[in-house]
Amino acid sequence: MARAGPAAAEPRVLALAARVAESGERDVPQLLLKLKEILNSVSLGCEESKKIKQDIYDYDLTQYCMLVLRQDHSRLRGGWAIAAQLAEILSHCCVGLEVREDPEEFYKKFLPSAIDNLLFLGRRLQARFIRAIKDAEKRDFLRWFQTVTDAICWLFGGHVQLAACVLQNDHFLQLLITDDVDTAITMMSVLHNILRVNSSVLLQIQEETLHSVLDELVYKLSSTTNPVIGNAATKLLLLVAKSCKQLVKLLTTRYKGLKGLLNKQWTGKGFDRALNQLLDALYLEQSNGKGEVQRQHQAACIIQALWRGFQTRKRLKKLPQAVTTLQRSFRAKREKELQHLKKQKEDEALKLQMQLQRQRAMRLFHEQQLALLEIIHASQVNKYMEEMEGKSAVTIQRFWRGYRARRNFHRQRQSLKEYKAAVIIQRAACKFLEKRRRRRLLSPWKDPKGMTDEQRLALQQKVDDYIKLHPASQMSEEMSKELHMHAQEKLAQFLWRSRLDQRAVQRREALLAQVNTDVELLMNAPGLAEATEKDLDVFMSRSIPVATRARQSHNTMLKYTRWPWWKKLEDEFMEDDVIPDDALNAELGTLFIDGRKSF
């Protein structure tokens, strides 16, 4: 969403912002290139240009440009050429822009983020330039890389405070620390522009960052023989030396072999003027530093003498207390040594006692063996020894098998799983067979086999005698029809009521499911400050909660179907079938209607 824009915004900027907001992620870079036409349509520095840049910033088009730089442009249409053009557009939009509303966010958050994204894009282009094999591809990547570095220079040239931000960025140091000649020269030109724009920036950054930059410059002088690299590094060191005397002192103390390296390796390479100026600055600082070193040495000697005298007087005052402390520590140390010796003697005595007990036990065992040998007859000695060996072997085997079984238990996870599956399958099969067995017991009634005619006549006579003793009430045909009609009306009313009750139950279940779904959606809904139109449509639509509930039920069923078949097998036989009473009565088949038996 755009910031509070001015009353009369630029129509082209407004239309472009609307198209960017409605377009997909892949089309945004192509649309943002139209900012270049809008910026080139007016002259730099005029009020109309400032107005257009303000509108571009108000409608978040600069934010879109900055975010697009982070994408992988090898997968987008236009490739890295568009990324380089967007970097140039971003720098031109930010230079000359005067933010009136919330300037702190622009200067302290937006501009450092833009520098970080530009340097990140530069790292990607540098890596692809180094990996490229074809000459045409290397030329393209180098041209795009130089375009991005020019955009960085243009940006911190318009905002001087960004020079320190560039130097302290990790991406800048990684871009500078490279063995590639072309990109190294480009990065050293960026560093030269930083020092030219703000000569005191090296004193504003952290000491670790300053040392890293200087280390890399000196390393390039010592590790290469390329005169272009040597010329750029020498001019940078000269610019560092001219910026502050403190940095000249740092160069002479931290890099003691720098003067010899410059004299031997880089004299007569075509940039002797800059080289001689740098050597003069280093030699001058060294000659001035000798007298300063002597004065510092004398001052240090005086301070050390005074400090040693103070420490000696202080120790003499604390001598009685020191003697007491020394005696206490000596006694504590001696007591600790005595306790250690005592513990060592106790351990040795315990060890000796255990050894004596083992010897007594072995002697007693041998004596018992000899006594048994004396008691046992000579012909039974071998048999006794074999029995003892057998018992010993059985004991050893028992302990070994137990140890092996415990060791192999953790290795047999799959076997244990198969065993559980077999138990479940067997339990389900037993339940199934039990149900089949119970159904056979309740089979329909059948006439006894082998019944003779005399037995059938006797049974019929018993039934007739029972009917005569217990006669049923007689009913006329008109009363039977009236009773039948009344029963049909009652049955129709019952069926109609049961249908209405069933519909009411279905409606209650549907309403309950909808309420539960709405409760879950409300619990998972974002806060009012984070809500969007999409979240609002979820609660206004009647079909989305139903679809959500159906999706949850579908996911639950999918999880259930992914179970192994042997886990789902037991659910089919979990509850025994309940046989209704009507079925039992129908199977028995002894119903009496109007005094007659019907089968």
Foldseek 3Di string as FASTA:
>chain_A
DFADDDPDADVVLVVLLVCLVPDDPQCNLVSLLCLVVVLVVDDPPDPVNLRNLRNCVRSCVLVVLLVVLPDQQVPHPPRLVSNLSSLLSSLVSQFPHDDDPPVVCCPPPVLLSSLLSLLVSLVVLVVVLVVDDDPVVNVVSLVSSLSSLVSNLSNCLRVVVCLLSNLPDPSLLVQCPDPDDSSVLSSLVSVVSNCVSPVCSLVVHDPVSNVSVLVSLLCQLVPDLDVSSVLSSLLSLLSNVVSDVVVLVVCCVVPVCSLVSLVPRPPPSPPVVSSVSNNVSNVVNVVVVVVVVVVVVVVVVVVVVVVVVVVVVVCVVCVVVVVVVVVVVVVVVVVVVVVVVVVVVVVVVVVVVVVVVVVVVVVVVVVVVVVVVVVDDPVCPVVVVVVVVVVVVVVVVVVVVVVVCVVCVVVCPVVVVVVVLVVLVVVLVVLVVVLVVVVVVLAFDDDDPPDDPVNVVVVVVVLVVVCVVPADDDDDPVVVVVVVVVVVVVVVVVVVVVVVVVVVVVVVVVVVQLVVLVVVLVVPPDDPVPDDVVSVCCVVDPVNSVVVSVVVVVVVVVVVVPDDPSVCSNVVSVDRDDDDPVSSCVRHQFDADNSDTDD
